Amino acid sequence: MTQQFEMEKFEGLRQILARLRAPDGCPWDREQTHASLRKTLLEECYEALEAVDKKDMTALPEELGDILLQITFHCQIAEEAGEFTYADVFRAINEKLVRRHPHVFGDAKAASAKEVEEQWEKLKEQERAGKRQSLLDGISSALPALAQAHIISSRAANAGFEWPNLQGVKDKVAEELREMEEAATKEEKEEEFGDVLFSLVNVARWMGLDAESALRGANARFGGRFRHMEQAASDRGTSFTKLTTSEMDTLWEAAKRALKGPE
């Protein structure tokens, strides 16, 4: 008789995964480890972000489910190996949420989202005290470079290593661009180019923007416009690669108008 699972509850997912990992379950699921699932976890997070960026509320539930599957997979593997339990995971996040919201669960005050963020960072620093040698310890090397740069610069700024105003950050970008132009070797140019990108991340941070999201948006806009240009060339009965620079510029401007993306 087919086993019945609670399809609309987390317990159903736990039951299904436990069945798949059972001795007579699925060979592929039984072979998985924390390490083998690493790549998939990252991919599922990016796919969920894509659904968020596209405001696709049809795809988002499925993508969030895929992330939840990855989390459940790691918990199931850990329980089987005696490493930690589902309860440990829930306890850790629940205690953290209560601890870092003293304005809700305690006597602290926070009247704005900004004050909440500042309080959150201070509490994180208190928790790290004595556990890490540097304020930059604990930043994942697996993060996308722009996101990693944002966290690094934010922690440095919270420690007081910060420009006095936005103009100072913009001046730093100009300085780094000059140094990149003056660099003699490819290695030096690459180093200076990295400094330019890091400085631009600081500009974004000062403006309250997320550099990683901004670049993803730019990538999506460019991709959409480029495909529009290719289709326009095809509609004219010609290959895109055979267009002149002037014709490409004309199609680019037409694509921008047609897709109504920001300049």
C-alpha atoms as a PDB file:
ATOM      1  CA  MET A   1       0.000   0.000   0.000  1.00  0.00           C
ATOM      2  CA  THR A   2       1.347   3.447  -0.942  1.00  0.00           C
ATOM      3  CA  GLN A   3       2.434   5.484   2.089  1.00  0.00           C
ATOM      4  CA  GLN A   4       0.398   8.626   2.678  1.00  0.00           C
ATOM      5  CA  PHE A   5       2.245  11.864   3.387  1.00  0.00           C
ATOM      6  CA  GLU A   6       1.074  15.211   4.745  1.00  0.00           C
ATOM      7  CA  MET A   7       1.641  17.073   1.481  1.00  0.00           C
ATOM      8  CA  GLU A   8       0.865  20.554   2.808  1.00  0.00           C
ATOM      9  CA  LYS A   9       3.026  20.376   5.933  1.00  0.00           C
ATOM     10  CA  PHE A  10       6.739  20.370   6.715  1.00  0.00           C
ATOM     11  CA  GLU A  11       6.314  16.994   8.389  1.00  0.00           C
ATOM     12  CA  GLY A  12       5.356  15.549   4.995  1.00  0.00           C
ATOM     13  CA  LEU A  13       8.667  16.683   3.511  1.00  0.00           C
ATOM     14  CA  ARG A  14      10.556  15.134   6.436  1.00  0.00           C
ATOM     15  CA  GLN A  15       8.703  11.850   5.967  1.00  0.00           C
ATOM     16  CA  ILE A  16       9.330  11.733   2.222  1.00  0.00           C
ATOM     17  CA  LEU A  17      13.024  12.502   2.577  1.00  0.00           C
ATOM     18  CA  ALA A  18      13.452   9.934   5.335  1.00  0.00           C
ATOM     19  CA  ARG A  19      11.800   7.362   3.064  1.00  0.00           C
ATOM     20  CA  LEU A  20      14.080   8.295   0.159  1.00  0.00           C
ATOM     21  CA  ARG A  21      17.138   7.913   2.416  1.00  0.00           C
ATOM     22  CA  ALA A  22      15.970   4.581   3.838  1.00  0.00           C
ATOM     23  CA  PRO A  23      17.942   1.370   3.026  1.00  0.00           C
ATOM     24  CA  ASP A  24      15.343   0.431   0.399  1.00  0.00           C
ATOM     25  CA  GLY A  25      14.901   4.026  -0.786  1.00  0.00           C
ATOM     26  CA  CYS A  26      16.451   5.925  -3.686  1.00  0.00           C
ATOM     27  CA  PRO A  27      20.121   5.103  -4.487  1.00  0.00           C
ATOM     28  CA  TRP A  28      20.855   8.711  -5.520  1.00  0.00           C
ATOM     29  CA  ASP A  29      19.343  10.264  -2.395  1.00  0.00           C
ATOM     30  CA  ARG A  30      21.162   7.754  -0.190  1.00  0.00           C
ATOM     31  CA  GLU A  31      24.527   8.715  -1.710  1.00  0.00           C
ATOM     32  CA  GLN A  32      24.220  12.438  -1.019  1.00  0.00           C
ATOM     33  CA  THR A  33      26.410  14.175   1.577  1.00  0.00           C
ATOM     34  CA  HIS A  34      26.717  17.716   2.917  1.00  0.00           C
ATOM     35  CA  ALA A  35      29.539  18.295   0.428  1.00  0.00           C
ATOM     36  CA  SER A  36      27.755  16.836  -2.604  1.00  0.00           C
ATOM     37  CA  LEU A  37      24.711  19.053  -1.986  1.00  0.00           C
ATOM     38  CA  ARG A  38      26.738  22.253  -1.699  1.00  0.00           C
ATOM     39  CA  LYS A  39      26.476  23.232  -5.382  1.00  0.00           C
ATOM     40  CA  THR A  40      22.756  22.477  -5.519  1.00  0.00           C
ATOM     41  CA  LEU A  41      21.982  24.596  -2.452  1.00  0.00           C
ATOM     42  CA  LEU A  42      23.705  27.569  -4.058  1.00  0.00           C
ATOM     43  CA  GLU A  43      21.912  27.053  -7.378  1.00  0.00           C
ATOM     44  CA  GLU A  44      18.501  26.823  -5.711  1.00  0.00           C
ATOM     45  CA  CYS A  45      19.115  30.094  -3.860  1.00  0.00           C
ATOM     46  CA  TYR A  46      19.965  31.842  -7.126  1.00  0.00           C
ATOM     47  CA  GLU A  47      16.862  30.453  -8.817  1.00  0.00           C
ATOM     48  CA  ALA A  48      14.714  31.776  -5.973  1.00  0.00           C
ATOM     49  CA  LEU A  49      16.393  35.179  -6.314  1.00  0.00           C
ATOM     50  CA  GLU A  50      15.611  35.150 -10.019  1.00  0.00           C
ATOM     51  CA  ALA A  51      11.938  34.544  -9.266  1.00  0.00           C
ATOM     52  CA  VAL A  52      12.006  37.426  -6.769  1.00  0.00           C
ATOM     53  CA  ASP A  53      13.686  39.731  -9.296  1.00  0.00           C
ATOM     54  CA  LYS A  54      11.075  38.836 -11.916  1.00  0.00           C
ATOM     55  CA  LYS A  55       8.242  39.170  -9.365  1.00  0.00           C
ATOM     56  CA  ASP A  56       7.147  35.710 -10.504  1.00  0.00           C
ATOM     57  CA  MET A  57       4.810  34.590  -7.742  1.00  0.00           C
ATOM     58  CA  THR A  58       4.011  31.415  -9.655  1.00  0.00           C
ATOM     59  CA  ALA A  59       7.620  30.255  -9.683  1.00  0.00           C
ATOM     60  CA  LEU A  60       8.608  31.550  -6.241  1.00  0.00           C
ATOM     61  CA  PRO A  61       6.700  28.948  -4.143  1.00  0.00           C
ATOM     62  CA  GLU A  62       8.394  26.148  -6.082  1.00  0.00           C
ATOM     63  CA  GLU A  63      11.831  27.738  -5.789  1.00  0.00           C
ATOM     64  CA  LEU A  64      11.403  28.308  -2.041  1.00  0.00           C
ATOM     65  CA  GLY A  65      10.335  24.682  -1.772  1.00  0.00           C
ATOM     66  CA  ASP A  66      13.553  23.643  -3.498  1.00  0.00           C
ATOM     67  CA  ILE A  67      15.559  25.606  -0.919  1.00  0.00           C
ATOM     68  CA  LEU A  68      13.546  24.035   1.901  1.00  0.00           C
ATOM     69  CA  LEU A  69      14.311  20.616   0.419  1.00  0.00           C
ATOM     70  CA  GLN A  70      18.032  21.361   0.549  1.00  0.00           C
ATOM     71  CA  ILE A  71      17.804  22.454   4.189  1.00  0.00           C
ATOM     72  CA  THR A  72      15.783  19.355   5.066  1.00  0.00           C
ATOM     73  CA  PHE A  73      18.268  17.174   3.186  1.00  0.00           C
ATOM     74  CA  HIS A  74      21.167  18.487   5.288  1.00  0.00           C
ATOM     75  CA  CYS A  75      19.161  17.999   8.493  1.00  0.00           C
ATOM     76  CA  GLN A  76      18.255  14.425   7.539  1.00  0.00           C
ATOM     77  CA  ILE A  77      21.880  13.557   6.725  1.00  0.00           C
ATOM     78  CA  ALA A  78      23.045  15.123   9.999  1.00  0.00           C
ATOM     79  CA  GLU A  79      20.460  13.262  12.094  1.00  0.00           C
ATOM     80  CA  GLU A  80      21.457   9.948  10.527  1.00  0.00           C
ATOM     81  CA  ALA A  81      25.126  10.662  11.300  1.00  0.00           C
ATOM     82  CA  GLY A  82      24.436  11.954  14.810  1.00  0.00           C
ATOM     83  CA  GLU A  83      25.876  15.380  13.939  1.00  0.00           C
ATOM     84  CA  PHE A  84      22.850  17.513  14.854  1.00  0.00           C
ATOM     85  CA  THR A  85      19.071  17.325  14.719  1.00  0.00           C
ATOM     86  CA  TYR A  86      16.174  19.251  13.227  1.00  0.00           C
ATOM     87  CA  ALA A  87      15.516  20.512  16.753  1.00  0.00           C
ATOM     88  CA  ASP A  88      19.027  21.979  16.920  1.00  0.00           C
ATOM     89  CA  VAL A  89      18.387  23.948  13.721  1.00  0.00           C
ATOM     90  CA  PHE A  90      15.016  25.303  14.858  1.00  0.00           C
ATOM     91  CA  ARG A  91      16.345  26.091  18.330  1.00  0.00           C
ATOM     92  CA  ALA A  92      19.325  27.997  16.924  1.00  0.00           C
ATOM     93  CA  ILE A  93      17.291  30.233  14.612  1.00  0.00           C
ATOM     94  CA  ASN A  94      14.419  30.783  17.049  1.00  0.00           C
ATOM     95  CA  GLU A  95      16.776  31.772  19.872  1.00  0.00           C
ATOM     96  CA  LYS A  96      18.668  34.071  17.527  1.00  0.00           C
ATOM     97  CA  LEU A  97      15.479  35.822  16.354  1.00  0.00           C
ATOM     98  CA  VAL A  98      14.328  36.439  19.919  1.00  0.00           C
ATOM     99  CA  ARG A  99      17.812  37.518  21.055  1.00  0.00           C
ATOM    100  CA  ARG A 100      18.263  39.981  18.185  1.00  0.00           C
ATOM    101  CA  HIS A 101      14.822  41.572  18.551  1.00  0.00           C
ATOM    102  CA  PRO A 102      14.998  42.947  22.104  1.00  0.00           C
ATOM    103  CA  HIS A 103      12.751  45.828  20.995  1.00  0.00           C
ATOM    104  CA  VAL A 104       9.996  43.243  20.465  1.00  0.00           C
ATOM    105  CA  PHE A 105      10.774  40.562  23.055  1.00  0.00           C
ATOM    106  CA  GLY A 106      12.531  42.762  25.622  1.00  0.00           C
ATOM    107  CA  ASP A 107      12.788  46.330  26.886  1.00  0.00           C
ATOM    108  CA  ALA A 108      14.957  47.852  24.128  1.00  0.00           C
ATOM    109  CA  LYS A 109      13.646  50.580  21.830  1.00  0.00           C
ATOM    110  CA  ALA A 110      13.893  50.784  18.029  1.00  0.00           C
ATOM    111  CA  ALA A 111      11.595  53.205  16.260  1.00  0.00           C
ATOM    112  CA  SER A 112      12.771  52.694  12.680  1.00  0.00           C
ATOM    113  CA  ALA A 113      14.089  50.001  10.379  1.00  0.00           C
ATOM    114  CA  LYS A 114      17.478  51.728  10.415  1.00  0.00           C
ATOM    115  CA  GLU A 115      17.652  51.567  14.198  1.00  0.00           C
ATOM    116  CA  VAL A 116      16.716  47.888  14.049  1.00  0.00           C
ATOM    117  CA  GLU A 117      19.559  47.220  11.593  1.00  0.00           C
ATOM    118  CA  GLU A 118      22.063  49.087  13.764  1.00  0.00           C
ATOM    119  CA  GLN A 119      20.913  47.206  16.852  1.00  0.00           C
ATOM    120  CA  TRP A 120      21.113  43.886  14.960  1.00  0.00           C
ATOM    121  CA  GLU A 121      24.740  44.589  13.958  1.00  0.00           C
ATOM    122  CA  LYS A 122      25.714  45.569  17.510  1.00  0.00           C
ATOM    123  CA  LEU A 123      24.201  42.368  18.879  1.00  0.00           C
ATOM    124  CA  LYS A 124      26.045  40.335  16.241  1.00  0.00           C
ATOM    125  CA  GLU A 125      29.314  41.982  17.278  1.00  0.00           C
ATOM    126  CA  GLN A 126      28.619  41.145  20.925  1.00  0.00           C
ATOM    127  CA  GLU A 127      27.990  37.524  19.983  1.00  0.00           C
ATOM    128  CA  ARG A 128      31.246  37.393  18.018  1.00  0.00           C
ATOM    129  CA  ALA A 129      33.285  38.858  20.896  1.00  0.00           C
ATOM    130  CA  GLY A 130      35.925  36.403  22.014  1.00  0.00           C
ATOM    131  CA  LYS A 131      35.118  33.997  19.171  1.00  0.00           C
ATOM    132  CA  ARG A 132      36.898  35.775  16.312  1.00  0.00           C
ATOM    133  CA  GLN A 133      40.201  37.556  16.025  1.00  0.00           C
ATOM    134  CA  SER A 134      39.023  39.994  13.336  1.00  0.00           C
ATOM    135  CA  LEU A 135      35.783  41.828  12.630  1.00  0.00           C
ATOM    136  CA  LEU A 136      36.009  40.361   9.138  1.00  0.00           C
ATOM    137  CA  ASP A 137      36.118  36.753  10.334  1.00  0.00           C
ATOM    138  CA  GLY A 138      33.126  34.627   9.411  1.00  0.00           C
ATOM    139  CA  ILE A 139      32.393  36.211   6.013  1.00  0.00           C
ATOM    140  CA  SER A 140      31.742  33.326   3.656  1.00  0.00           C
ATOM    141  CA  SER A 141      34.223  32.916   0.811  1.00  0.00           C
ATOM    142  CA  ALA A 142      31.405  31.327  -1.217  1.00  0.00           C
ATOM    143  CA  LEU A 143      29.493  34.606  -1.459  1.00  0.00           C
ATOM    144  CA  PRO A 144      29.351  36.388  -4.828  1.00  0.00           C
ATOM    145  CA  ALA A 145      32.193  38.914  -4.935  1.00  0.00           C
ATOM    146  CA  LEU A 146      29.969  42.018  -4.884  1.00  0.00           C
ATOM    147  CA  ALA A 147      27.928  40.725  -1.944  1.00  0.00           C
ATOM    148  CA  GLN A 148      31.121  39.821  -0.117  1.00  0.00           C
ATOM    149  CA  ALA A 149      32.545  43.305  -0.753  1.00  0.00           C
ATOM    150  CA  HIS A 150      29.367  44.883   0.653  1.00  0.00           C
ATOM    151  CA  ILE A 151      29.649  42.917   3.902  1.00  0.00           C
ATOM    152  CA  ILE A 152      33.374  43.612   4.241  1.00  0.00           C
ATOM    153  CA  SER A 153      32.958  47.354   3.717  1.00  0.00           C
ATOM    154  CA  SER A 154      29.920  47.479   6.018  1.00  0.00           C
ATOM    155  CA  ARG A 155      31.802  45.826   8.878  1.00  0.00           C
ATOM    156  CA  ALA A 156      34.758  48.150   8.391  1.00  0.00           C
ATOM    157  CA  ALA A 157      32.412  51.150   8.369  1.00  0.00           C
ATOM    158  CA  ASN A 158      30.657  49.963  11.531  1.00  0.00           C
ATOM    159  CA  ALA A 159      34.084  49.894  13.197  1.00  0.00           C
ATOM    160  CA  GLY A 160      34.651  53.541  12.230  1.00  0.00           C
ATOM    161  CA  PHE A 161      36.778  52.994   9.107  1.00  0.00           C
ATOM    162  CA  GLU A 162      34.559  55.100   6.873  1.00  0.00           C
ATOM    163  CA  TRP A 163      34.519  58.161   4.612  1.00  0.00           C
ATOM    164  CA  PRO A 164      32.929  61.291   6.084  1.00  0.00           C
ATOM    165  CA  ASN A 165      30.529  61.678   3.148  1.00  0.00           C
ATOM    166  CA  LEU A 166      29.427  60.214  -0.194  1.00  0.00           C
ATOM    167  CA  GLN A 167      31.613  62.621  -2.173  1.00  0.00           C
ATOM    168  CA  GLY A 168      34.677  61.101  -0.550  1.00  0.00           C
ATOM    169  CA  VAL A 169      33.633  57.674  -1.798  1.00  0.00           C
ATOM    170  CA  LYS A 170      33.053  58.999  -5.315  1.00  0.00           C
ATOM    171  CA  ASP A 171      36.478  60.671  -5.249  1.00  0.00           C
ATOM    172  CA  LYS A 172      37.953  57.287  -4.310  1.00  0.00           C
ATOM    173  CA  VAL A 173      36.338  55.737  -7.401  1.00  0.00           C
ATOM    174  CA  ALA A 174      37.932  58.418  -9.587  1.00  0.00           C
ATOM    175  CA  GLU A 175      41.297  57.814  -7.907  1.00  0.00           C
ATOM    176  CA  GLU A 176      41.100  54.075  -8.484  1.00  0.00           C
ATOM    177  CA  LEU A 177      40.156  54.621 -12.144  1.00  0.00           C
ATOM    178  CA  ARG A 178      43.237  56.786 -12.613  1.00  0.00           C
ATOM    179  CA  GLU A 179      45.427  54.165 -10.974  1.00  0.00           C
ATOM    180  CA  MET A 180      43.972  51.493 -13.251  1.00  0.00           C
ATOM    181  CA  GLU A 181      44.796  53.620 -16.295  1.00  0.00           C
ATOM    182  CA  GLU A 182      48.355  54.101 -15.040  1.00  0.00           C
ATOM    183  CA  ALA A 183      48.955  50.430 -14.245  1.00  0.00           C
ATOM    184  CA  ALA A 184      51.702  48.937 -16.410  1.00  0.00           C
ATOM    185  CA  THR A 185      51.095  45.183 -16.353  1.00  0.00           C
ATOM    186  CA  LYS A 186      48.010  43.013 -16.756  1.00  0.00           C
ATOM    187  CA  GLU A 187      48.334  41.864 -13.143  1.00  0.00           C
ATOM    188  CA  GLU A 188      48.486  45.461 -11.903  1.00  0.00           C
ATOM    189  CA  LYS A 189      45.497  46.443 -14.045  1.00  0.00           C
ATOM    190  CA  GLU A 190      43.484  43.529 -12.672  1.00  0.00           C
ATOM    191  CA  GLU A 191      44.350  44.558  -9.116  1.00  0.00           C
ATOM    192  CA  GLU A 192      43.368  48.175  -9.753  1.00  0.00           C
ATOM    193  CA  PHE A 193      40.172  47.099 -11.521  1.00  0.00           C
ATOM    194  CA  GLY A 194      39.260  45.132  -8.409  1.00  0.00           C
ATOM    195  CA  ASP A 195      39.804  48.279  -6.352  1.00  0.00           C
ATOM    196  CA  VAL A 196      37.463  50.170  -8.710  1.00  0.00           C
ATOM    197  CA  LEU A 197      34.742  47.564  -8.197  1.00  0.00           C
ATOM    198  CA  PHE A 198      35.225  47.584  -4.417  1.00  0.00           C
ATOM    199  CA  SER A 199      34.952  51.396  -4.395  1.00  0.00           C
ATOM    200  CA  LEU A 200      31.759  51.230  -6.475  1.00  0.00           C
ATOM    201  CA  VAL A 201      30.284  48.815  -3.944  1.00  0.00           C
ATOM    202  CA  ASN A 202      30.957  51.457  -1.297  1.00  0.00           C
ATOM    203  CA  VAL A 203      29.116  54.029  -3.414  1.00  0.00           C
ATOM    204  CA  ALA A 204      26.147  51.666  -3.588  1.00  0.00           C
ATOM    205  CA  ARG A 205      26.278  51.083   0.177  1.00  0.00           C
ATOM    206  CA  TRP A 206      26.287  54.833   0.865  1.00  0.00           C
ATOM    207  CA  MET A 207      23.267  55.241  -1.416  1.00  0.00           C
ATOM    208  CA  GLY A 208      21.397  52.424   0.324  1.00  0.00           C
ATOM    209  CA  LEU A 209      21.650  50.157  -2.716  1.00  0.00           C
ATOM    210  CA  ASP A 210      22.655  46.513  -3.044  1.00  0.00           C
ATOM    211  CA  ALA A 211      25.421  46.226  -5.645  1.00  0.00           C
ATOM    212  CA  GLU A 212      24.752  42.545  -6.315  1.00  0.00           C
ATOM    213  CA  SER A 213      21.068  43.167  -7.057  1.00  0.00           C
ATOM    214  CA  ALA A 214      21.907  46.243  -9.129  1.00  0.00           C
ATOM    215  CA  LEU A 215      24.292  44.271 -11.335  1.00  0.00           C
ATOM    216  CA  ARG A 216      21.819  41.409 -11.733  1.00  0.00           C
ATOM    217  CA  GLY A 217      19.271  43.966 -12.863  1.00  0.00           C
ATOM    218  CA  ALA A 218      21.715  45.481 -15.341  1.00  0.00           C
ATOM    219  CA  ASN A 219      22.525  42.020 -16.692  1.00  0.00           C
ATOM    220  CA  ALA A 220      18.823  41.275 -17.168  1.00  0.00           C
ATOM    221  CA  ARG A 221      18.178  44.612 -18.896  1.00  0.00           C
ATOM    222  CA  PHE A 222      21.121  44.189 -21.244  1.00  0.00           C
ATOM    223  CA  GLY A 223      20.116  40.616 -22.043  1.00  0.00           C
ATOM    224  CA  GLY A 224      16.543  41.620 -22.798  1.00  0.00           C
ATOM    225  CA  ARG A 225      17.596  44.504 -25.031  1.00  0.00           C
ATOM    226  CA  PHE A 226      20.207  42.430 -26.859  1.00  0.00           C
ATOM    227  CA  ARG A 227      17.689  39.694 -27.622  1.00  0.00           C
ATOM    228  CA  HIS A 228      15.290  42.371 -28.850  1.00  0.00           C
ATOM    229  CA  MET A 229      18.002  43.628 -31.207  1.00  0.00           C
ATOM    230  CA  GLU A 230      18.672  40.115 -32.508  1.00  0.00           C
ATOM    231  CA  GLN A 231      14.980  39.587 -33.185  1.00  0.00           C
ATOM    232  CA  ALA A 232      14.699  42.962 -34.921  1.00  0.00           C
ATOM    233  CA  ALA A 233      17.618  42.073 -37.193  1.00  0.00           C
ATOM    234  CA  SER A 234      16.050  38.699 -37.939  1.00  0.00           C
ATOM    235  CA  ASP A 235      12.729  40.380 -38.770  1.00  0.00           C
ATOM    236  CA  ARG A 236      14.628  42.453 -41.327  1.00  0.00           C
ATOM    237  CA  GLY A 237      15.964  39.278 -42.872  1.00  0.00           C
ATOM    238  CA  THR A 238      19.573  39.875 -41.869  1.00  0.00           C
ATOM    239  CA  SER A 239      22.083  38.452 -39.433  1.00  0.00           C
ATOM    240  CA  PHE A 240      22.803  40.543 -36.354  1.00  0.00           C
ATOM    241  CA  THR A 241      26.537  40.055 -36.810  1.00  0.00           C
ATOM    242  CA  LYS A 242      26.347  41.646 -40.280  1.00  0.00           C
ATOM    243  CA  LEU A 243      24.895  44.925 -39.015  1.00  0.00           C
ATOM    244  CA  THR A 244      27.013  48.061 -39.007  1.00  0.00           C
ATOM    245  CA  THR A 245      27.851  49.809 -35.749  1.00  0.00           C
ATOM    246  CA  SER A 246      25.395  52.560 -36.653  1.00  0.00           C
ATOM    247  CA  GLU A 247      22.609  50.031 -37.313  1.00  0.00           C
ATOM    248  CA  MET A 248      23.330  48.303 -34.003  1.00  0.00           C
ATOM    249  CA  ASP A 249      23.142  51.642 -32.166  1.00  0.00           C
ATOM    250  CA  THR A 250      19.769  52.336 -33.799  1.00  0.00           C
ATOM    251  CA  LEU A 251      18.412  48.928 -32.787  1.00  0.00           C
ATOM    252  CA  TRP A 252      19.766  49.389 -29.247  1.00  0.00           C
ATOM    253  CA  GLU A 253      17.888  52.666 -28.811  1.00  0.00           C
ATOM    254  CA  ALA A 254      14.756  51.058 -30.255  1.00  0.00           C
ATOM    255  CA  ALA A 255      15.109  48.149 -27.826  1.00  0.00           C
ATOM    256  CA  LYS A 256      15.421  50.532 -24.887  1.00  0.00           C
ATOM    257  CA  ARG A 257      12.239  52.333 -25.931  1.00  0.00           C
ATOM    258  CA  ALA A 258      10.352  49.100 -26.584  1.00  0.00           C
ATOM    259  CA  LEU A 259      11.298  47.480 -23.272  1.00  0.00           C
ATOM    260  CA  LYS A 260      10.968  50.738 -21.336  1.00  0.00           C
ATOM    261  CA  GLY A 261      13.816  49.866 -19.029  1.00  0.00           C
ATOM    262  CA  PRO A 262      15.654  52.508 -16.999  1.00  0.00           C
ATOM    263  CA  GLU A 263      18.412  54.337 -18.821  1.00  0.00           C
END
